[in-house]
Protein backbone atom coordinates (compact mmCIF):
# COMPACT_ATOMS: atom_id res chain seq x y z
CA MET A 1 118.95 59.22 80.13
CA THR A 2 122.22 60.33 81.68
CA LEU A 3 123.13 64.00 81.75
CA LEU A 4 124.74 65.22 78.55
CA GLY A 5 126.90 68.27 77.98
CA ALA A 6 125.61 71.43 76.35
CA LEU A 7 124.98 71.10 72.62
CA ARG A 8 127.40 72.52 70.08
CA SER A 9 124.82 72.11 67.31
CA LEU A 10 121.15 71.16 67.17
CA PRO A 11 120.15 67.61 66.23
CA VAL A 12 117.72 66.96 63.40
CA ASN A 13 114.10 66.24 64.27
CA LEU A 14 113.00 63.27 62.14
CA THR A 15 109.37 63.42 63.30
CA ASP A 16 106.45 65.41 61.94
CA SER A 17 105.89 67.30 65.22
CA ALA A 18 107.83 70.03 66.99
CA ARG A 19 109.83 68.77 69.95
CA ILE A 20 111.67 70.33 72.88
CA LEU A 21 115.08 69.18 74.07
CA ALA A 22 116.09 70.28 77.58
CA ARG A 23 118.86 69.48 80.05
CA PHE A 24 118.13 68.93 83.73
CA ARG A 25 120.44 67.75 86.49
CA ASP A 26 118.86 64.30 86.40
CA GLY A 27 119.15 63.89 82.64
CA LEU A 28 118.05 64.95 79.18
CA ARG A 29 114.39 65.41 78.26
CA ASP A 30 113.13 65.04 74.70
CA GLU A 31 109.44 65.97 74.70
CA LEU A 32 106.67 66.57 72.19
CA VAL A 33 105.43 70.16 72.21
CA SER A 34 102.13 70.05 74.10
CA ALA A 35 100.32 71.61 77.04
CA GLU A 36 101.90 68.97 79.31
CA LEU A 37 105.22 70.83 79.08
CA SER A 38 103.79 73.63 81.21
CA GLY A 39 104.25 71.44 84.29
CA LEU A 40 107.99 70.87 83.81
CA PRO A 41 110.37 73.04 85.90
CA PHE A 42 112.19 74.76 83.05
CA GLU A 43 113.27 77.50 85.47
CA SER A 44 115.77 74.94 86.85
CA ALA A 45 117.00 73.70 83.46
CA LEU A 46 120.67 73.81 82.53
CA PRO A 47 121.76 75.76 79.44
CA VAL A 48 121.07 73.43 76.51
CA ARG A 49 123.49 75.18 74.16
CA SER A 50 127.13 76.12 74.58
CA PHE A 51 128.00 79.81 74.73
CA PHE A 52 130.22 80.44 71.73
CA ALA A 53 133.22 82.75 71.88
CA TRP A 54 136.01 83.58 69.43
CA PRO A 55 138.75 86.21 69.12
CA GLY A 56 137.38 89.55 67.99
CA LYS A 57 133.77 88.73 68.84
CA ARG A 58 131.88 92.03 68.98
CA ASN A 59 129.27 91.32 71.63
CA TYR A 60 130.00 90.79 75.30
CA GLU A 61 129.46 87.50 77.09
CA GLY A 62 129.15 87.13 80.81
CA SER A 63 126.81 86.40 83.68
CA TRP A 64 124.41 88.47 85.71
CA TRP A 65 124.02 87.89 89.44
CA SER A 66 120.26 87.71 89.86
CA SER A 67 118.80 88.81 93.19
CA THR A 68 115.65 86.91 92.18
CA VAL A 69 117.25 83.46 91.98
CA GLY A 70 120.33 84.15 94.12
CA ALA A 71 122.69 82.89 91.42
CA HIS A 72 124.40 83.91 88.19
CA VAL A 73 122.48 83.73 84.91
CA GLY A 74 124.42 83.67 81.65
CA CYS A 75 124.05 86.28 78.92
CA GLU A 76 125.61 86.72 75.50
CA SER A 77 125.30 90.47 74.98
CA LEU A 78 124.75 93.74 76.79
CA LEU A 79 121.18 93.71 75.49
CA GLU A 80 120.60 90.31 77.12
CA ARG A 81 122.13 91.73 80.31
CA ASP A 82 119.59 94.57 80.17
CA PHE A 83 116.77 92.05 79.89
CA LEU A 84 118.09 90.17 82.93
CA MET A 85 118.31 93.45 84.84
CA LEU A 86 114.68 94.23 83.99
CA ALA A 87 113.43 90.70 84.80
CA ASP A 88 115.32 90.81 88.10
CA HIS A 89 113.46 94.02 88.95
CA ASP A 90 110.05 92.55 88.03
CA THR A 91 108.22 91.35 91.16
CA ASP A 92 106.10 88.96 89.04
CA VAL A 93 109.24 86.98 88.11
CA ILE A 94 110.42 84.24 90.48
CA GLY A 95 112.73 82.23 88.20
CA ILE A 96 115.07 83.01 85.27
CA VAL A 97 117.24 80.69 83.20
CA SER A 98 119.21 81.29 80.00
CA GLN A 99 119.34 78.95 76.97
CA PRO A 100 116.55 76.90 78.61
CA PHE A 101 115.80 74.43 75.81
CA ALA A 102 116.02 73.78 72.10
CA VAL A 103 112.90 73.74 69.93
CA LEU A 104 113.37 71.21 67.13
CA TRP A 105 111.06 72.05 64.28
CA PRO A 106 109.22 69.23 62.42
CA HIS A 107 111.13 67.33 59.77
CA GLY A 108 111.00 69.14 56.45
CA THR A 109 110.53 72.63 57.89
CA GLU A 110 112.03 74.88 55.26
CA ALA A 111 115.39 76.45 56.17
CA ALA A 112 114.88 75.95 59.91
CA ARG A 113 116.23 73.06 61.96
CA GLY A 114 115.52 74.47 65.39
CA HIS A 115 115.79 77.40 67.76
CA VAL A 116 117.16 78.01 71.25
CA PRO A 117 115.28 80.86 72.99
CA ASP A 118 117.41 83.20 75.05
CA PHE A 119 115.51 82.92 78.33
CA PHE A 120 112.72 81.16 80.17
CA VAL A 121 111.03 83.06 83.00
CA ARG A 122 108.81 81.52 85.69
CA LEU A 123 106.07 83.85 86.88
CA ARG A 124 104.66 84.20 90.37
CA ASP A 125 101.24 82.90 89.24
CA GLY A 126 102.87 79.67 88.03
CA GLY A 127 102.90 80.59 84.36
CA GLY A 128 105.91 80.65 82.07
CA ARG A 129 107.33 83.13 79.59
CA VAL A 130 109.76 82.45 76.77
CA VAL A 131 111.93 85.40 75.74
CA ASP A 132 114.00 86.11 72.65
CA VAL A 133 116.35 89.09 72.73
CA ARG A 134 117.16 90.88 69.48
CA HIS A 135 118.68 94.22 68.59
CA PRO A 136 116.10 96.54 66.95
CA ASP A 137 118.07 96.41 63.68
CA ARG A 138 117.67 92.62 63.53
CA LEU A 139 113.97 92.28 64.30
CA SER A 140 112.71 92.08 60.71
CA SER A 141 115.19 89.35 59.72
CA ALA A 142 113.91 87.08 62.53
CA GLU A 143 110.15 87.57 62.03
CA ARG A 144 109.55 84.01 60.82
CA GLN A 145 111.42 82.57 63.79
CA PHE A 146 109.43 84.77 66.17
CA GLU A 147 106.14 83.63 64.61
CA MET A 148 107.05 79.94 64.85
CA THR A 149 108.22 80.30 68.44
CA ALA A 150 105.09 82.24 69.39
CA ARG A 151 102.89 79.43 67.99
CA MET A 152 104.91 76.86 69.92
CA CYS A 153 104.45 78.85 73.16
CA GLN A 154 100.72 79.16 72.51
CA ALA A 155 100.47 75.37 72.18
CA VAL A 156 102.17 74.90 75.56
CA GLY A 157 100.37 77.77 77.32
CA TRP A 158 103.38 80.05 77.80
CA ASP A 159 103.66 83.78 77.15
CA TYR A 160 106.14 84.87 74.49
CA GLU A 161 108.13 88.09 74.40
CA VAL A 162 110.65 89.63 72.03
CA PHE A 163 112.84 92.07 73.97
CA SER A 164 114.70 94.73 71.98
CA GLY A 165 115.74 97.15 74.70
CA MET A 166 114.47 99.75 77.14
CA ALA A 167 113.86 103.45 76.59
CA GLU A 168 115.76 106.08 78.53
CA PRO A 169 115.76 107.16 81.28
CA ARG A 170 114.25 103.85 82.48
CA ALA A 171 117.34 101.90 81.39
CA ALA A 172 119.77 104.30 83.10
CA ASN A 173 117.68 104.31 86.27
CA LEU A 174 117.62 100.51 86.46
CA ARG A 175 121.36 100.29 85.84
CA TRP A 176 121.90 102.62 88.80
CA LEU A 177 119.49 100.79 91.08
CA SER A 178 120.84 97.38 90.08
CA GLY A 179 124.14 98.23 91.72
CA TYR A 180 122.30 97.85 95.03
CA ARG A 181 120.63 94.50 94.30
CA GLN A 182 123.12 92.41 96.31
CA ASP A 183 122.07 91.05 99.69
CA ARG A 184 124.64 93.19 101.51
CA PHE A 185 122.44 96.22 100.82
CA ALA A 186 119.28 94.57 102.18
CA PRO A 187 117.91 96.30 105.29
CA SER A 188 117.49 94.68 108.68
CA ALA A 189 114.02 94.00 110.06
CA ALA A 190 114.16 97.23 112.10
CA SER A 191 115.26 99.23 109.07
CA LEU A 192 112.46 97.73 107.00
CA LEU A 193 109.86 99.04 109.42
CA ALA A 194 111.50 102.47 109.72
CA ILE A 195 111.75 102.85 105.93
CA ARG A 196 108.15 101.76 105.49
CA GLU A 197 106.98 104.40 107.95
CA ALA A 198 109.16 107.09 106.36
CA PHE A 199 107.68 106.47 102.91
CA ARG A 200 104.18 105.33 103.91
CA ALA A 201 102.52 108.51 102.65
CA GLY A 202 105.14 109.20 100.01
CA ALA A 203 108.20 111.41 100.34
CA SER A 204 111.25 112.47 98.39
CA MET A 205 114.20 110.09 98.65
CA ALA A 206 116.19 112.63 100.65
CA THR A 207 113.36 113.35 103.12
CA GLY A 208 112.48 109.69 103.66
CA VAL A 209 116.11 108.68 104.15
CA ARG A 210 116.67 111.46 106.72
CA CYS A 211 113.51 110.48 108.59
CA ALA A 212 114.36 106.76 108.73
CA ALA A 213 118.02 107.44 109.64
CA ARG A 214 116.93 109.72 112.49
CA GLN A 215 114.60 107.04 113.84
CA LEU A 216 117.26 104.32 113.54
CA LYS A 217 120.06 106.57 114.81
CA THR A 218 122.28 105.46 111.96
CA ASP A 219 124.21 106.94 109.01
CA PRO A 220 121.87 108.22 106.23
CA SER A 221 124.17 106.65 103.60
CA VAL A 222 123.36 103.19 104.99
CA VAL A 223 119.63 103.90 104.86
CA GLN A 224 119.92 105.29 101.34
CA ALA A 225 121.58 102.05 100.17
CA ASN A 226 118.72 100.12 101.81
CA VAL A 227 116.17 102.30 100.02
CA LEU A 228 117.83 101.80 96.62
CA HIS A 229 117.92 98.04 97.21
CA LEU A 230 114.20 97.99 98.00
CA ALA A 231 113.42 100.20 94.99
CA TYR A 232 115.24 97.79 92.69
CA ARG A 233 113.41 94.81 94.22
CA GLY A 234 110.12 96.58 93.52
CA LEU A 235 109.17 97.04 97.17
CA LEU A 236 109.23 100.83 96.95
CA ASP A 237 107.30 102.59 94.20
CA VAL A 238 109.40 105.01 92.17
CA ASP A 239 108.80 106.51 88.73
CA LEU A 240 111.54 105.06 86.50
CA GLY A 241 110.28 107.15 83.59
CA ARG A 242 112.02 110.19 85.07
CA PRO A 243 115.68 110.58 86.01
CA LEU A 244 116.19 109.47 89.60
CA SER A 245 117.62 111.88 92.12
CA LEU A 246 117.43 112.62 95.83
CA GLU A 247 114.28 114.62 95.09
CA SER A 248 112.49 111.70 93.38
CA PRO A 249 109.17 110.82 95.09
CA ILE A 250 109.06 107.33 96.61
CA ALA A 251 106.27 105.42 98.34
CA SER A 252 105.88 102.00 99.95
CA SER A 253 104.46 99.46 97.50
CA GLN A 254 101.46 97.24 98.20
CA GLY A 255 103.74 94.25 98.74
CA TYR A 256 105.96 95.99 101.26
CA LEU A 257 104.09 94.96 104.41
CA ALA A 258 103.96 91.31 103.30
CA TYR A 259 107.72 91.44 102.68
CA VAL A 260 108.30 92.92 106.15
CA LEU A 261 106.24 90.16 107.78
CA VAL A 262 108.14 87.45 105.92
CA GLU A 263 111.50 88.94 106.90
CA GLU A 264 110.40 89.18 110.54
CA ALA A 265 109.25 85.54 110.52
CA SER A 266 112.59 84.39 109.10
């Protein structure tokens, strides 16, 4: 099939089995829900549904620049943006796409034609996760949809998650750290090694930054930006359950050395 534009409304499924409709750059896929779907690269799918906007709309639409995929990912609310921020921070996530596909429920399903999940996430172990984002006040009204989608994911072999927000101060901490996710804050190979040594045994942010800056003979503010970038990318361990400050304890994560070696090789 040739590539079609994003859907304005969902088509009717005239079969007795649930189906998935997805857009890829080489065309449209209409597939039966089965375990075989787990092998399709949904992390590279195009949004299957149009993002709707109208004057006076209460929620915010936009896009989030993801340091994980190196591109913008669409979102339709601040709550969806918070999910993207959290997924971007998660070192187990290697791919994120919004509006990844439409699930078309079997013909005759009562009061339900289909559903477009908010996100599909590809995990480092090769698995997939389908995510619906709902405000806490709207969870009960969507229970049936969640149950149907969870059963569909189980049939394919995907995880399923309903995201309804983050508790404070975790959310505030991630919003602060996310401001340093861009590549321009990434440390050089020399800075990576100096920061790793400074935080190898654990140290406060202020102490580790001073130590690394002294070794590198550079401005501490540059090193601090590097540290915040690495903390957001999950390469430095920091307790997000407490408000972050210059006195927050930080330590090199288990994946830090592997990251250093990859950066050196590149």
